[in-house]
Amino acid sequence: MKHVREIAERGGMILFLVMRSDARVFMPNHETHPEFAKVLREAYESGVDVRAALLRPEVQGDCLRIGFERYLPVEFPDVI
């Protein structure tokens, strides 16, 4: 949360790296960490570019290659 706040103060971008082939959307987990979800949403609403990149890991011989597949939509849960 400290880093999210600092990025919001200075301007910048937050990039989440997702390596789940079944991922369709990125959403902070409000149930397990409501304060982080709140701070991230506030940063987004203040103009911070929040993105989530879907990555595709592949093992080729004894090498691990991680390729960019696409950006996922970023959504914030509606909480009261």
C-alpha atoms as a PDB file:
ATOM      1  CA  MET A   1       0.000   0.000   0.000  1.00  0.00           C
ATOM      2  CA  LYS A   2       2.915   2.292   0.739  1.00  0.00           C
ATOM      3  CA  HIS A   3       4.175   1.948  -2.834  1.00  0.00           C
ATOM      4  CA  VAL A   4       0.720   2.493  -4.319  1.00  0.00           C
ATOM      5  CA  ARG A   5       0.375   5.701  -2.322  1.00  0.00           C
ATOM      6  CA  GLU A   6       3.837   6.889  -3.393  1.00  0.00           C
ATOM      7  CA  ILE A   7       3.053   6.229  -7.047  1.00  0.00           C
ATOM      8  CA  ALA A   8      -0.224   8.130  -6.681  1.00  0.00           C
ATOM      9  CA  GLU A   9       1.629  11.090  -5.150  1.00  0.00           C
ATOM     10  CA  ARG A  10       4.322  11.172  -7.830  1.00  0.00           C
ATOM     11  CA  GLY A  11       2.325   9.951 -10.814  1.00  0.00           C
ATOM     12  CA  GLY A  12       3.126   6.786 -12.630  1.00  0.00           C
ATOM     13  CA  MET A  13       1.917   3.347 -13.522  1.00  0.00           C
ATOM     14  CA  ILE A  14       1.246   0.135 -11.627  1.00  0.00           C
ATOM     15  CA  LEU A  15       1.651  -3.084 -13.603  1.00  0.00           C
ATOM     16  CA  PHE A  16       0.449  -6.421 -12.254  1.00  0.00           C
ATOM     17  CA  LEU A  17       1.895  -9.551 -13.864  1.00  0.00           C
ATOM     18  CA  VAL A  18      -0.590 -12.402 -14.172  1.00  0.00           C
ATOM     19  CA  MET A  19       0.467 -15.947 -15.080  1.00  0.00           C
ATOM     20  CA  ARG A  20      -2.852 -17.786 -15.012  1.00  0.00           C
ATOM     21  CA  SER A  21      -4.010 -19.036 -18.377  1.00  0.00           C
ATOM     22  CA  ASP A  22      -7.644 -18.886 -17.188  1.00  0.00           C
ATOM     23  CA  ALA A  23      -7.490 -15.201 -16.167  1.00  0.00           C
ATOM     24  CA  ARG A  24     -10.045 -12.997 -17.920  1.00  0.00           C
ATOM     25  CA  VAL A  25      -9.956  -9.876 -15.717  1.00  0.00           C
ATOM     26  CA  PHE A  26      -7.790  -8.429 -12.940  1.00  0.00           C
ATOM     27  CA  MET A  27      -9.543  -7.306  -9.789  1.00  0.00           C
ATOM     28  CA  PRO A  28      -8.040  -6.616  -6.357  1.00  0.00           C
ATOM     29  CA  ASN A  29      -9.445  -9.028  -3.774  1.00  0.00           C
ATOM     30  CA  HIS A  30     -11.509  -6.813  -1.513  1.00  0.00           C
ATOM     31  CA  GLU A  31     -12.492  -9.741   0.714  1.00  0.00           C
ATOM     32  CA  THR A  32      -8.944 -10.694   1.688  1.00  0.00           C
ATOM     33  CA  HIS A  33      -7.382  -7.217   1.687  1.00  0.00           C
ATOM     34  CA  PRO A  34      -9.999  -4.443   1.624  1.00  0.00           C
ATOM     35  CA  GLU A  35      -7.532  -1.698   2.493  1.00  0.00           C
ATOM     36  CA  PHE A  36      -5.275  -2.536  -0.474  1.00  0.00           C
ATOM     37  CA  ALA A  37      -8.286  -2.637  -2.805  1.00  0.00           C
ATOM     38  CA  LYS A  38      -9.381   0.775  -1.512  1.00  0.00           C
ATOM     39  CA  VAL A  39      -5.927   2.360  -1.891  1.00  0.00           C
ATOM     40  CA  LEU A  40      -5.509   0.914  -5.396  1.00  0.00           C
ATOM     41  CA  ARG A  41      -8.928   2.182  -6.456  1.00  0.00           C
ATOM     42  CA  GLU A  42      -8.134   5.654  -5.071  1.00  0.00           C
ATOM     43  CA  ALA A  43      -4.844   5.690  -6.968  1.00  0.00           C
ATOM     44  CA  TYR A  44      -6.635   4.674 -10.170  1.00  0.00           C
ATOM     45  CA  GLU A  45      -9.292   7.339  -9.692  1.00  0.00           C
ATOM     46  CA  SER A  46      -6.569   9.946  -9.135  1.00  0.00           C
ATOM     47  CA  GLY A  47      -5.058   9.158 -12.536  1.00  0.00           C
ATOM     48  CA  VAL A  48      -2.575   6.335 -11.905  1.00  0.00           C
ATOM     49  CA  ASP A  49      -2.428   3.998 -14.892  1.00  0.00           C
ATOM     50  CA  VAL A  50      -3.239   0.543 -13.435  1.00  0.00           C
ATOM     51  CA  ARG A  51      -2.660  -2.372 -15.813  1.00  0.00           C
ATOM     52  CA  ALA A  52      -2.502  -6.139 -15.653  1.00  0.00           C
ATOM     53  CA  ALA A  53      -0.440  -8.075 -18.177  1.00  0.00           C
ATOM     54  CA  LEU A  54      -1.299 -11.680 -18.930  1.00  0.00           C
ATOM     55  CA  LEU A  55       1.965 -13.558 -19.384  1.00  0.00           C
ATOM     56  CA  ARG A  56       2.495 -16.977 -20.902  1.00  0.00           C
ATOM     57  CA  PRO A  57       5.290 -19.040 -19.325  1.00  0.00           C
ATOM     58  CA  GLU A  58       6.817 -21.804 -21.474  1.00  0.00           C
ATOM     59  CA  VAL A  59       9.576 -24.258 -20.684  1.00  0.00           C
ATOM     60  CA  GLN A  60      11.898 -24.847 -23.620  1.00  0.00           C
ATOM     61  CA  GLY A  61      14.535 -27.394 -22.711  1.00  0.00           C
ATOM     62  CA  ASP A  62      16.141 -26.064 -19.559  1.00  0.00           C
ATOM     63  CA  CYS A  63      14.988 -22.490 -20.195  1.00  0.00           C
ATOM     64  CA  LEU A  64      11.899 -20.711 -18.974  1.00  0.00           C
ATOM     65  CA  ARG A  65      10.502 -18.178 -21.410  1.00  0.00           C
ATOM     66  CA  ILE A  66       7.809 -15.755 -20.373  1.00  0.00           C
ATOM     67  CA  GLY A  67       5.916 -14.054 -23.166  1.00  0.00           C
ATOM     68  CA  PHE A  68       3.404 -11.241 -23.111  1.00  0.00           C
ATOM     69  CA  GLU A  69      -0.026 -12.364 -24.314  1.00  0.00           C
ATOM     70  CA  ARG A  70      -2.277  -9.345 -23.737  1.00  0.00           C
ATOM     71  CA  TYR A  71      -3.490  -6.814 -21.209  1.00  0.00           C
ATOM     72  CA  LEU A  72      -6.400  -7.852 -19.019  1.00  0.00           C
ATOM     73  CA  PRO A  73      -9.231  -5.490 -18.162  1.00  0.00           C
ATOM     74  CA  VAL A  74      -8.820  -4.022 -14.665  1.00  0.00           C
ATOM     75  CA  GLU A  75     -11.977  -3.826 -12.601  1.00  0.00           C
ATOM     76  CA  PHE A  76     -12.695  -2.725  -9.063  1.00  0.00           C
ATOM     77  CA  PRO A  77     -15.315  -4.434  -6.913  1.00  0.00           C
ATOM     78  CA  ASP A  78     -18.407  -2.471  -5.997  1.00  0.00           C
ATOM     79  CA  VAL A  79     -18.375  -2.353  -2.198  1.00  0.00           C
ATOM     80  CA  ILE A  80     -20.463  -0.364   0.205  1.00  0.00           C
END
